[in-house]
């Protein structure tokens, strides 16, 4: 089974396909842009994006949105993570947390699947903490500063770890299980 994935990020497609392969599914990247609504909930961003893209391509499609929620920063950058990364990057986040003892954070991924029945959302969450400095060279985005709970290495230091426990992996797994179960009513 092939599903269209509206994203400009090939890393997300690769991560989705790592999960999809186990279910006999393939996610095909399409570069259909969509307006990202301003909302603190990544699920709403994914839902509206999926609905917008489906209305244009008229085929089942997914849109994924992810947020990094840092406890000491009251959930910032949250659903604005991509924008914040482009503006201040990992160095900026580390600067904001300088001297902060509470470094707890979580990544939340929401995948919106839209077809003629509407939109269904699949979420994945991984808890962890923010490292005191960038570590590792693999992955993308906040991977060099995010350490999942019960581990000592960042996602950028250990891409196999990310493939096993990430927020996106969990969301894609839920989506794939739902799609192969035949429960396609959104």
C-alpha atoms as a PDB file:
ATOM      1  CA  UNK A   1       0.000   0.000   0.000  1.00  0.00           C
ATOM      2  CA  UNK A   2       1.274   3.481  -0.915  1.00  0.00           C
ATOM      3  CA  UNK A   3       0.223   6.676   0.851  1.00  0.00           C
ATOM      4  CA  UNK A   4       1.028  10.217  -0.204  1.00  0.00           C
ATOM      5  CA  UNK A   5       2.961  12.248   2.385  1.00  0.00           C
ATOM      6  CA  UNK A   6       2.860  16.037   1.967  1.00  0.00           C
ATOM      7  CA  UNK A   7       6.157  17.332   3.336  1.00  0.00           C
ATOM      8  CA  UNK A   8       9.247  19.178   2.205  1.00  0.00           C
ATOM      9  CA  UNK A   9      11.355  17.166   4.658  1.00  0.00           C
ATOM     10  CA  UNK A  10      12.829  13.956   3.184  1.00  0.00           C
ATOM     11  CA  UNK A  11      14.084  12.914   6.653  1.00  0.00           C
ATOM     12  CA  UNK A  12      10.473  12.560   7.827  1.00  0.00           C
ATOM     13  CA  UNK A  13       9.634  10.414   4.799  1.00  0.00           C
ATOM     14  CA  UNK A  14      12.619   8.162   5.503  1.00  0.00           C
ATOM     15  CA  UNK A  15      11.556   7.764   9.145  1.00  0.00           C
ATOM     16  CA  UNK A  16       7.999   6.949   8.073  1.00  0.00           C
ATOM     17  CA  UNK A  17       9.203   4.383   5.580  1.00  0.00           C
ATOM     18  CA  UNK A  18      11.355   2.643   8.206  1.00  0.00           C
ATOM     19  CA  UNK A  19       8.123   1.896  10.055  1.00  0.00           C
ATOM     20  CA  UNK A  20       5.985   1.393   6.957  1.00  0.00           C
ATOM     21  CA  UNK A  21       8.263  -1.292   5.549  1.00  0.00           C
ATOM     22  CA  UNK A  22       7.318  -3.598   8.444  1.00  0.00           C
ATOM     23  CA  UNK A  23       3.661  -3.242   7.440  1.00  0.00           C
ATOM     24  CA  UNK A  24       4.130  -3.479   3.676  1.00  0.00           C
ATOM     25  CA  UNK A  25       3.459   0.246   3.306  1.00  0.00           C
ATOM     26  CA  UNK A  26       5.337   2.985   1.524  1.00  0.00           C
ATOM     27  CA  UNK A  27       5.017   6.727   2.056  1.00  0.00           C
ATOM     28  CA  UNK A  28       5.530   8.741  -1.122  1.00  0.00           C
ATOM     29  CA  UNK A  29       6.657  12.336  -0.694  1.00  0.00           C
ATOM     30  CA  UNK A  30       4.631  14.965  -2.492  1.00  0.00           C
ATOM     31  CA  UNK A  31       5.635  18.595  -2.387  1.00  0.00           C
ATOM     32  CA  UNK A  32       2.156  20.043  -2.017  1.00  0.00           C
ATOM     33  CA  UNK A  33       2.428  23.101   0.200  1.00  0.00           C
ATOM     34  CA  UNK A  34      -0.240  23.956   2.735  1.00  0.00           C
ATOM     35  CA  UNK A  35      -0.769  26.795   5.180  1.00  0.00           C
ATOM     36  CA  UNK A  36       0.372  25.936   8.707  1.00  0.00           C
ATOM     37  CA  UNK A  37      -2.252  27.274  11.044  1.00  0.00           C
ATOM     38  CA  UNK A  38      -1.151  28.958  14.259  1.00  0.00           C
ATOM     39  CA  UNK A  39      -2.192  26.651  17.039  1.00  0.00           C
ATOM     40  CA  UNK A  40      -0.409  25.339  20.128  1.00  0.00           C
ATOM     41  CA  UNK A  41      -1.659  21.802  19.393  1.00  0.00           C
ATOM     42  CA  UNK A  42       0.351  19.872  16.787  1.00  0.00           C
ATOM     43  CA  UNK A  43      -2.740  17.715  16.175  1.00  0.00           C
ATOM     44  CA  UNK A  44      -4.734  20.712  14.952  1.00  0.00           C
ATOM     45  CA  UNK A  45      -1.862  21.779  12.685  1.00  0.00           C
ATOM     46  CA  UNK A  46      -1.654  18.266  11.157  1.00  0.00           C
ATOM     47  CA  UNK A  47      -5.447  17.999  10.864  1.00  0.00           C
ATOM     48  CA  UNK A  48      -5.861  21.272   9.002  1.00  0.00           C
ATOM     49  CA  UNK A  49      -2.835  20.590   6.797  1.00  0.00           C
ATOM     50  CA  UNK A  50      -4.107  17.131   5.816  1.00  0.00           C
ATOM     51  CA  UNK A  51      -7.574  18.493   5.041  1.00  0.00           C
ATOM     52  CA  UNK A  52      -6.097  21.279   2.889  1.00  0.00           C
ATOM     53  CA  UNK A  53      -3.849  18.912   0.898  1.00  0.00           C
ATOM     54  CA  UNK A  54      -6.617  16.318   0.419  1.00  0.00           C
ATOM     55  CA  UNK A  55      -8.891  19.030  -1.007  1.00  0.00           C
ATOM     56  CA  UNK A  56      -6.220  19.678  -3.652  1.00  0.00           C
ATOM     57  CA  UNK A  57      -4.952  16.196  -4.535  1.00  0.00           C
ATOM     58  CA  UNK A  58      -8.260  14.321  -4.017  1.00  0.00           C
ATOM     59  CA  UNK A  59      -6.384  11.222  -2.807  1.00  0.00           C
ATOM     60  CA  UNK A  60      -5.641   9.871   0.682  1.00  0.00           C
ATOM     61  CA  UNK A  61      -2.772  11.859   2.141  1.00  0.00           C
ATOM     62  CA  UNK A  62      -0.897  12.420   5.384  1.00  0.00           C
ATOM     63  CA  UNK A  63       0.592  15.533   6.934  1.00  0.00           C
ATOM     64  CA  UNK A  64       2.829  15.294  10.006  1.00  0.00           C
ATOM     65  CA  UNK A  65       3.595  18.017  12.515  1.00  0.00           C
ATOM     66  CA  UNK A  66       6.002  17.750  15.422  1.00  0.00           C
ATOM     67  CA  UNK A  67       6.692  19.919  18.422  1.00  0.00           C
ATOM     68  CA  UNK A  68       9.417  19.994  21.049  1.00  0.00           C
ATOM     69  CA  UNK A  69       7.819  20.925  24.379  1.00  0.00           C
ATOM     70  CA  UNK A  70      10.325  22.069  27.026  1.00  0.00           C
ATOM     71  CA  UNK A  71       8.956  22.117  30.557  1.00  0.00           C
ATOM     72  CA  UNK A  72      11.112  24.971  31.925  1.00  0.00           C
ATOM     73  CA  UNK A  73      10.035  27.139  28.968  1.00  0.00           C
ATOM     74  CA  UNK A  74       6.309  26.498  29.554  1.00  0.00           C
ATOM     75  CA  UNK A  75       6.126  24.172  26.547  1.00  0.00           C
ATOM     76  CA  UNK A  76       8.063  26.445  24.208  1.00  0.00           C
ATOM     77  CA  UNK A  77       8.791  26.069  21.317  1.00  0.00           C
ATOM     78  CA  UNK A  78       5.931  23.528  21.030  1.00  0.00           C
ATOM     79  CA  UNK A  79       4.086  23.564  17.719  1.00  0.00           C
ATOM     80  CA  UNK A  80       6.284  26.464  16.609  1.00  0.00           C
ATOM     81  CA  UNK A  81       9.417  24.264  16.732  1.00  0.00           C
ATOM     82  CA  UNK A  82      10.239  24.460  13.037  1.00  0.00           C
ATOM     83  CA  UNK A  83      10.007  28.262  12.996  1.00  0.00           C
ATOM     84  CA  UNK A  84      12.032  28.567  16.215  1.00  0.00           C
ATOM     85  CA  UNK A  85      14.677  26.180  14.880  1.00  0.00           C
ATOM     86  CA  UNK A  86      15.077  28.304  11.741  1.00  0.00           C
ATOM     87  CA  UNK A  87      15.381  31.474  13.846  1.00  0.00           C
ATOM     88  CA  UNK A  88      17.549  30.461  16.842  1.00  0.00           C
ATOM     89  CA  UNK A  89      18.434  26.786  16.311  1.00  0.00           C
ATOM     90  CA  UNK A  90      19.802  24.452  18.941  1.00  0.00           C
ATOM     91  CA  UNK A  91      22.237  27.101  20.163  1.00  0.00           C
ATOM     92  CA  UNK A  92      19.359  29.440  20.935  1.00  0.00           C
ATOM     93  CA  UNK A  93      17.449  26.770  22.867  1.00  0.00           C
ATOM     94  CA  UNK A  94      20.585  25.926  24.854  1.00  0.00           C
ATOM     95  CA  UNK A  95      21.098  29.607  25.607  1.00  0.00           C
ATOM     96  CA  UNK A  96      17.504  29.913  26.872  1.00  0.00           C
ATOM     97  CA  UNK A  97      18.140  26.951  29.200  1.00  0.00           C
ATOM     98  CA  UNK A  98      21.554  28.116  30.448  1.00  0.00           C
ATOM     99  CA  UNK A  99      21.663  27.567  34.218  1.00  0.00           C
ATOM    100  CA  UNK A 100      18.260  25.810  34.241  1.00  0.00           C
ATOM    101  CA  UNK A 101      18.164  22.590  36.271  1.00  0.00           C
ATOM    102  CA  UNK A 102      14.798  21.400  34.923  1.00  0.00           C
ATOM    103  CA  UNK A 103      15.629  20.199  31.417  1.00  0.00           C
ATOM    104  CA  UNK A 104      12.624  17.885  30.970  1.00  0.00           C
ATOM    105  CA  UNK A 105      11.107  17.937  27.510  1.00  0.00           C
ATOM    106  CA  UNK A 106       8.976  15.865  25.198  1.00  0.00           C
ATOM    107  CA  UNK A 107       8.616  15.484  21.481  1.00  0.00           C
ATOM    108  CA  UNK A 108       5.057  15.118  20.204  1.00  0.00           C
ATOM    109  CA  UNK A 109       4.306  14.032  16.655  1.00  0.00           C
ATOM    110  CA  UNK A 110       0.850  14.155  15.110  1.00  0.00           C
ATOM    111  CA  UNK A 111       0.007  12.608  11.760  1.00  0.00           C
ATOM    112  CA  UNK A 112      -3.188  13.695  10.072  1.00  0.00           C
ATOM    113  CA  UNK A 113      -4.545  11.114   7.611  1.00  0.00           C
ATOM    114  CA  UNK A 114      -7.246  12.491   5.339  1.00  0.00           C
ATOM    115  CA  UNK A 115      -9.442  10.704   2.833  1.00  0.00           C
ATOM    116  CA  UNK A 116     -13.053  11.082   1.676  1.00  0.00           C
ATOM    117  CA  UNK A 117     -14.227  10.134   5.195  1.00  0.00           C
ATOM    118  CA  UNK A 118     -12.395  13.022   6.887  1.00  0.00           C
ATOM    119  CA  UNK A 119      -9.296  13.312   9.055  1.00  0.00           C
ATOM    120  CA  UNK A 120      -7.975  10.913  11.671  1.00  0.00           C
ATOM    121  CA  UNK A 121      -5.055  11.852  13.936  1.00  0.00           C
ATOM    122  CA  UNK A 122      -2.281   9.533  15.162  1.00  0.00           C
ATOM    123  CA  UNK A 123      -0.003  10.813  17.929  1.00  0.00           C
ATOM    124  CA  UNK A 124       3.352   9.689  19.237  1.00  0.00           C
ATOM    125  CA  UNK A 125       5.095  11.064  22.301  1.00  0.00           C
ATOM    126  CA  UNK A 126       8.591  10.512  23.689  1.00  0.00           C
ATOM    127  CA  UNK A 127       9.705  12.067  26.949  1.00  0.00           C
ATOM    128  CA  UNK A 128      13.245  13.061  27.688  1.00  0.00           C
ATOM    129  CA  UNK A 129      15.477  15.995  28.451  1.00  0.00           C
ATOM    130  CA  UNK A 130      17.564  18.660  26.779  1.00  0.00           C
ATOM    131  CA  UNK A 131      21.329  18.065  26.815  1.00  0.00           C
ATOM    132  CA  UNK A 132      23.650  20.769  28.124  1.00  0.00           C
ATOM    133  CA  UNK A 133      25.371  21.000  24.710  1.00  0.00           C
ATOM    134  CA  UNK A 134      24.931  19.699  21.166  1.00  0.00           C
ATOM    135  CA  UNK A 135      26.058  16.090  20.811  1.00  0.00           C
ATOM    136  CA  UNK A 136      26.203  13.922  17.699  1.00  0.00           C
ATOM    137  CA  UNK A 137      26.008  14.575  13.971  1.00  0.00           C
ATOM    138  CA  UNK A 138      23.184  12.338  12.751  1.00  0.00           C
ATOM    139  CA  UNK A 139      19.518  13.197  12.296  1.00  0.00           C
ATOM    140  CA  UNK A 140      18.138  16.707  11.918  1.00  0.00           C
ATOM    141  CA  UNK A 141      16.516  19.525  13.838  1.00  0.00           C
ATOM    142  CA  UNK A 142      16.677  19.156  17.602  1.00  0.00           C
ATOM    143  CA  UNK A 143      18.212  15.655  17.484  1.00  0.00           C
ATOM    144  CA  UNK A 144      21.631  16.884  18.777  1.00  0.00           C
ATOM    145  CA  UNK A 145      20.093  18.208  22.012  1.00  0.00           C
ATOM    146  CA  UNK A 146      17.280  15.738  22.792  1.00  0.00           C
ATOM    147  CA  UNK A 147      17.971  12.769  25.084  1.00  0.00           C
ATOM    148  CA  UNK A 148      15.070  10.308  25.413  1.00  0.00           C
ATOM    149  CA  UNK A 149      14.108   9.194  28.920  1.00  0.00           C
ATOM    150  CA  UNK A 150      16.085   6.211  30.276  1.00  0.00           C
ATOM    151  CA  UNK A 151      18.942   6.851  27.812  1.00  0.00           C
ATOM    152  CA  UNK A 152      22.167   8.848  27.962  1.00  0.00           C
ATOM    153  CA  UNK A 153      22.701   9.614  24.281  1.00  0.00           C
ATOM    154  CA  UNK A 154      20.990  12.166  22.047  1.00  0.00           C
ATOM    155  CA  UNK A 155      19.072  11.147  18.942  1.00  0.00           C
ATOM    156  CA  UNK A 156      21.946  12.643  16.890  1.00  0.00           C
ATOM    157  CA  UNK A 157      24.460  10.399  18.658  1.00  0.00           C
ATOM    158  CA  UNK A 158      22.387   7.259  18.170  1.00  0.00           C
ATOM    159  CA  UNK A 159      20.077   7.209  15.124  1.00  0.00           C
ATOM    160  CA  UNK A 160      19.181   3.565  15.838  1.00  0.00           C
ATOM    161  CA  UNK A 161      17.835   4.695  19.199  1.00  0.00           C
ATOM    162  CA  UNK A 162      15.701   7.317  17.453  1.00  0.00           C
ATOM    163  CA  UNK A 163      14.400   4.669  15.047  1.00  0.00           C
ATOM    164  CA  UNK A 164      13.343   2.517  18.034  1.00  0.00           C
ATOM    165  CA  UNK A 165      11.781   5.047  20.420  1.00  0.00           C
ATOM    166  CA  UNK A 166      10.982   8.307  18.628  1.00  0.00           C
ATOM    167  CA  UNK A 167       7.719  10.187  18.689  1.00  0.00           C
ATOM    168  CA  UNK A 168       7.452   9.965  14.901  1.00  0.00           C
ATOM    169  CA  UNK A 169       8.037   6.188  14.943  1.00  0.00           C
ATOM    170  CA  UNK A 170       5.205   5.779  17.467  1.00  0.00           C
ATOM    171  CA  UNK A 171       2.805   7.917  15.426  1.00  0.00           C
ATOM    172  CA  UNK A 172       3.649   6.092  12.176  1.00  0.00           C
ATOM    173  CA  UNK A 173       3.227   2.736  13.879  1.00  0.00           C
ATOM    174  CA  UNK A 174      -0.293   3.686  15.035  1.00  0.00           C
ATOM    175  CA  UNK A 175      -1.143   4.935  11.533  1.00  0.00           C
ATOM    176  CA  UNK A 176       0.145   1.765   9.842  1.00  0.00           C
ATOM    177  CA  UNK A 177      -1.670  -0.519  12.280  1.00  0.00           C
ATOM    178  CA  UNK A 178      -4.908   1.368  11.659  1.00  0.00           C
ATOM    179  CA  UNK A 179      -4.497   1.328   7.862  1.00  0.00           C
ATOM    180  CA  UNK A 180      -3.797  -2.417   7.669  1.00  0.00           C
ATOM    181  CA  UNK A 181      -6.674  -3.180  10.032  1.00  0.00           C
ATOM    182  CA  UNK A 182      -9.072  -1.864   7.407  1.00  0.00           C
ATOM    183  CA  UNK A 183     -10.613   0.598   9.874  1.00  0.00           C
ATOM    184  CA  UNK A 184     -10.482   3.468   7.433  1.00  0.00           C
ATOM    185  CA  UNK A 185     -13.481   5.392   8.699  1.00  0.00           C
ATOM    186  CA  UNK A 186     -12.006   8.607  10.100  1.00  0.00           C
END
